[in-house]
Structures are given as C-alpha cells and as structure tokens.
Amino acid sequence: MKSLDEDHWAAVGRISTGDSTQQNYKHSSRVATGLEYNIFPYSESTRRALLFQYTVGVDRYDYIERTIYDKLQETRLNTSLQGLLAFRQPWGFSLFSAEYITYLHDLGKNRVELEGQLDLRLFRGLSLNTKGKLSIVHDQLYLRAGTASDEEILLRRQRLATSYRYEFSVGFSYQFGSIFNNVVNPRWDR
C-alpha cells in the first residue's frame, strides 16, 4: 500500500504464494496491483473507513492432479472490486465488506463474497467476537477430475463442486495494552 495523497487515494500491490491439497494446488501464486479510494480522510482510518479497492492480477496455478478442465497448470488474469465499511469505537469494532472477483478469460467464472464482523467490548481488554461470511461461488477452476472418496469428503481433504459457501464464528479475545499499539498502516489488514 502506498498513499498517493494525504487523504484518500492509495496504490495497492499484492503478492501471495502457497499450496493447498484441499484445493488441488501443488503451488499457487498471485501478483496484483490496483487503486484504493477511502471516503474518509486517511487521518481517521484508525477509527473509520469506507473504502473501495480495484485490482487486476495474474494467478499462476500448478495442480496436484488434473482438473475438471483437463489442466495440470494454468495462468489466469483476474480482476477484483471490493467495498469495505469499518468502524472502531469505544464499544468495539464493526466491519462489512463486499467483493466481486472474476477471471478475465471467462466472466462467468466469478465469486461474490459478503463478510461481516462485530467485536463488542465487554470490559477493558475483553471482547466478544462474531464473524460471518457468505460466498457465491462460480470460479472453482481447481476442482480435481474424478470423484472424491468417502474418506476425502469426511476429512475435508478435497473441495467439492458447490455454488455457495458460508462461515460463522463466535469467540472471545483479550487484548493487552493500547488498542493502537500495533497499528502501522491499518489499511494493510484489508
């Protein structure tokens, strides 16, 4: 993240790499760049943010096994548009984000993700954390050809074809010190 002015604009760069047997990746990597605009001035970003981010990137995949599209490796261009609203107040933290991601070789290969988070401060340092996420999925390029065994399904060792995914979690956290003691650039979290 590189600020382009004092108040609102930033250049975004992302690099990631990894592997996942569940997603059939022997190796995956991503390089993306884009722009971000925050409605609120950057000086207020530790308390509130309403930002929009657009990125274009290249994904490289080396698969463990041949995919349903008969690929062992591929490189794909994609684009992402994200909106995020976040508030940090004495009562806690709230966040809502929406993101649309699509592959440029086939706009029908896309994903929409909606995410919400609410952390309520119960008393100094202790918070109740809730988080939910819903994904509408149409971009599973990595699906392994063939069928999954009962063992792979039960142990969640292989992703199955789906058109949606959802998550919900509830927990507690305790934070020592100032709420701002680890803030370098709060926009890096997103």
Protein backbone atom coordinates (compact mmCIF):
# COMPACT_ATOMS: atom_id res chain seq x y z
CA MET A 1 0.00 0.00 0.00
CA LYS A 2 1.40 3.39 -0.99
CA SER A 3 -0.53 6.57 -0.28
CA LEU A 4 -0.92 8.73 -3.38
CA ASP A 5 -2.20 11.78 -1.49
CA GLU A 6 -2.65 12.74 2.15
CA ASP A 7 -6.33 11.98 2.43
CA HIS A 8 -7.95 9.45 0.13
CA TRP A 9 -6.03 7.66 -2.66
CA ALA A 10 -3.58 4.78 -2.42
CA ALA A 11 -1.83 2.41 -4.81
CA VAL A 12 -2.24 -1.26 -3.91
CA GLY A 13 0.16 -4.12 -4.55
CA ARG A 14 -0.39 -7.75 -3.54
CA ILE A 15 1.86 -10.78 -3.77
CA SER A 16 0.92 -14.17 -2.35
CA THR A 17 2.03 -17.75 -2.72
CA GLY A 18 1.00 -21.06 -1.20
CA ASP A 19 -0.21 -24.60 -1.61
CA SER A 20 -3.35 -26.49 -0.66
CA THR A 21 -4.07 -30.17 -1.04
CA GLN A 22 -7.75 -29.42 -0.35
CA GLN A 23 -7.84 -27.06 -3.34
CA ASN A 24 -5.58 -29.26 -5.52
CA TYR A 25 -2.72 -26.69 -5.54
CA LYS A 26 0.81 -28.01 -5.63
CA HIS A 27 1.74 -24.33 -5.88
CA SER A 28 -0.28 -21.18 -6.43
CA SER A 29 0.91 -17.59 -6.69
CA ARG A 30 -0.73 -14.24 -7.27
CA VAL A 31 0.57 -10.80 -8.22
CA ALA A 32 -1.92 -7.91 -8.36
CA THR A 33 -1.93 -4.15 -8.48
CA GLY A 34 -4.65 -1.54 -8.25
CA LEU A 35 -6.09 1.57 -6.67
CA GLU A 36 -7.92 2.27 -3.43
CA TYR A 37 -10.11 5.23 -2.50
CA ASN A 38 -11.19 5.93 1.09
CA ILE A 39 -14.18 8.27 1.51
CA PHE A 40 -12.92 9.31 4.95
CA PRO A 41 -9.52 11.03 5.27
CA TYR A 42 -6.60 8.71 6.00
CA SER A 43 -6.04 10.55 9.30
CA GLU A 44 -9.33 8.96 10.51
CA SER A 45 -8.56 5.42 9.31
CA THR A 46 -7.85 4.07 12.80
CA ARG A 47 -11.48 4.92 13.70
CA ARG A 48 -13.45 4.62 10.48
CA ALA A 49 -13.05 3.68 6.84
CA LEU A 50 -15.32 3.49 3.82
CA LEU A 51 -13.09 2.37 1.03
CA PHE A 52 -13.29 0.97 -2.46
CA GLN A 53 -10.47 -1.04 -3.98
CA TYR A 54 -9.99 -2.23 -7.56
CA THR A 55 -7.21 -4.64 -8.53
CA VAL A 56 -6.08 -6.52 -11.62
CA GLY A 57 -3.84 -9.53 -11.14
CA VAL A 58 -2.23 -12.65 -12.53
CA ASP A 59 -2.75 -16.02 -10.85
CA ARG A 60 -0.47 -18.98 -11.58
CA TYR A 61 -1.57 -22.48 -10.57
CA ASP A 62 0.33 -25.78 -10.60
CA TYR A 63 -2.14 -28.52 -9.74
CA ILE A 64 -1.50 -31.78 -7.89
CA GLU A 65 -3.94 -33.70 -10.12
CA ARG A 66 -5.62 -32.90 -13.43
CA THR A 67 -8.63 -30.58 -13.03
CA ILE A 68 -12.15 -30.93 -14.38
CA TYR A 69 -10.97 -28.58 -17.16
CA ASP A 70 -8.13 -31.00 -18.06
CA LYS A 71 -5.36 -28.72 -16.71
CA LEU A 72 -2.23 -29.52 -14.71
CA GLN A 73 -1.14 -25.89 -14.71
CA GLU A 74 -2.52 -22.56 -15.85
CA THR A 75 -2.05 -18.80 -15.66
CA ARG A 76 -5.13 -16.58 -15.48
CA LEU A 77 -5.82 -12.84 -15.36
CA ASN A 78 -8.45 -11.69 -12.90
CA THR A 79 -9.97 -8.54 -11.53
CA SER A 80 -11.49 -7.65 -8.17
CA LEU A 81 -13.71 -4.85 -6.89
CA GLN A 82 -14.16 -4.53 -3.13
CA GLY A 83 -16.08 -2.17 -0.88
CA LEU A 84 -15.43 -2.05 2.87
CA LEU A 85 -17.01 -0.15 5.76
CA ALA A 86 -15.31 -0.36 9.17
CA PHE A 87 -15.68 1.45 12.49
CA ARG A 88 -13.56 1.25 15.64
CA GLN A 89 -15.36 2.87 18.58
CA PRO A 90 -15.13 2.65 22.39
CA TRP A 91 -17.82 -0.09 22.28
CA GLY A 92 -15.80 -2.23 19.84
CA PHE A 93 -15.25 -2.82 16.15
CA SER A 94 -17.55 -3.47 13.20
CA LEU A 95 -16.83 -4.29 9.57
CA PHE A 96 -18.84 -5.09 6.47
CA SER A 97 -17.30 -5.87 3.12
CA ALA A 98 -18.48 -6.97 -0.31
CA GLU A 99 -16.16 -8.22 -3.05
CA TYR A 100 -16.65 -9.30 -6.66
CA ILE A 101 -13.86 -11.33 -8.29
CA THR A 102 -13.86 -12.60 -11.87
CA TYR A 103 -11.44 -14.27 -14.26
CA LEU A 104 -10.97 -12.26 -17.45
CA HIS A 105 -10.79 -15.31 -19.76
CA ASP A 106 -14.38 -16.20 -18.82
CA LEU A 107 -16.51 -13.64 -16.94
CA GLY A 108 -18.83 -16.48 -15.89
CA LYS A 109 -16.01 -17.76 -13.62
CA ASN A 110 -16.60 -15.40 -10.71
CA ARG A 111 -17.20 -15.16 -6.98
CA VAL A 112 -19.12 -12.74 -4.76
CA GLU A 113 -18.13 -12.56 -1.09
CA LEU A 114 -20.06 -10.79 1.67
CA GLU A 115 -18.43 -10.57 5.08
CA GLY A 116 -19.43 -9.04 8.39
CA GLN A 117 -17.63 -8.79 11.70
CA LEU A 118 -18.71 -7.39 15.05
CA ASP A 119 -16.43 -7.28 18.08
CA LEU A 120 -18.20 -5.98 21.20
CA ARG A 121 -16.09 -4.73 24.08
CA LEU A 122 -17.39 -6.35 27.27
CA PHE A 123 -14.88 -4.63 29.55
CA ARG A 124 -11.30 -3.34 29.30
CA GLY A 125 -9.42 -5.76 27.06
CA LEU A 126 -12.11 -8.47 26.76
CA SER A 127 -14.28 -8.61 23.63
CA LEU A 128 -16.96 -10.88 22.21
CA ASN A 129 -16.12 -11.57 18.55
CA THR A 130 -18.59 -12.60 15.86
CA LYS A 131 -17.83 -13.07 12.18
CA GLY A 132 -19.85 -14.29 9.22
CA LYS A 133 -19.08 -14.82 5.55
CA LEU A 134 -21.17 -15.84 2.54
CA SER A 135 -19.62 -16.67 -0.83
CA ILE A 136 -21.48 -17.23 -4.08
CA VAL A 137 -19.02 -19.43 -5.98
CA HIS A 138 -18.68 -19.88 -9.75
CA ASP A 139 -14.88 -19.97 -10.08
CA GLN A 140 -13.70 -23.39 -8.96
CA LEU A 141 -11.03 -23.89 -11.65
CA TYR A 142 -9.03 -26.11 -9.29
CA LEU A 143 -11.56 -28.94 -8.84
CA ARG A 144 -9.93 -32.32 -9.27
CA ALA A 145 -11.26 -34.53 -12.09
CA GLY A 146 -12.98 -37.70 -10.93
CA THR A 147 -14.85 -38.36 -7.72
CA ALA A 148 -13.78 -37.95 -4.13
CA SER A 149 -13.66 -40.95 -1.82
CA ASP A 150 -15.78 -41.05 1.33
CA GLU A 151 -12.59 -40.61 3.37
CA GLU A 152 -11.59 -37.47 1.44
CA ILE A 153 -15.05 -35.99 1.89
CA LEU A 154 -15.26 -36.77 5.63
CA LEU A 155 -11.74 -35.49 6.31
CA ARG A 156 -12.31 -32.43 4.07
CA ARG A 157 -9.18 -33.25 2.09
CA GLN A 158 -10.75 -32.28 -1.23
CA ARG A 159 -13.07 -29.43 -2.17
CA LEU A 160 -16.31 -30.42 -3.87
CA ALA A 161 -18.23 -28.52 -6.53
CA THR A 162 -20.58 -26.00 -4.94
CA SER A 163 -22.34 -22.77 -5.78
CA TYR A 164 -22.04 -21.26 -2.28
CA ARG A 165 -20.05 -21.36 0.94
CA TYR A 166 -20.77 -19.87 4.34
CA GLU A 167 -18.94 -19.49 7.64
CA PHE A 168 -19.91 -18.18 11.05
CA SER A 169 -17.81 -17.94 14.18
CA VAL A 170 -18.17 -16.66 17.73
CA GLY A 171 -15.37 -16.26 20.24
CA PHE A 172 -13.66 -14.13 22.83
CA SER A 173 -10.41 -12.19 22.70
CA TYR A 174 -8.36 -10.38 25.28
CA GLN A 175 -6.02 -7.55 24.29
CA PHE A 176 -3.25 -6.15 26.45
CA GLY A 177 -2.09 -2.53 26.20
CA SER A 178 -3.36 0.20 23.92
CA ILE A 179 -5.78 -0.61 21.09
CA PHE A 180 -3.38 1.28 18.80
CA ASN A 181 -0.08 -0.33 19.91
CA ASN A 182 0.24 -2.50 16.79
CA VAL A 183 -1.07 -0.08 14.17
CA VAL A 184 1.45 0.67 11.44
CA ASN A 185 -0.84 1.06 8.47
CA PRO A 186 -4.38 -0.08 9.28
CA ARG A 187 -5.19 -0.43 5.57
CA TRP A 188 -2.85 -3.44 5.35
CA ASP A 189 -5.46 -5.63 7.02
CA ARG A 190 -7.78 -5.41 4.03
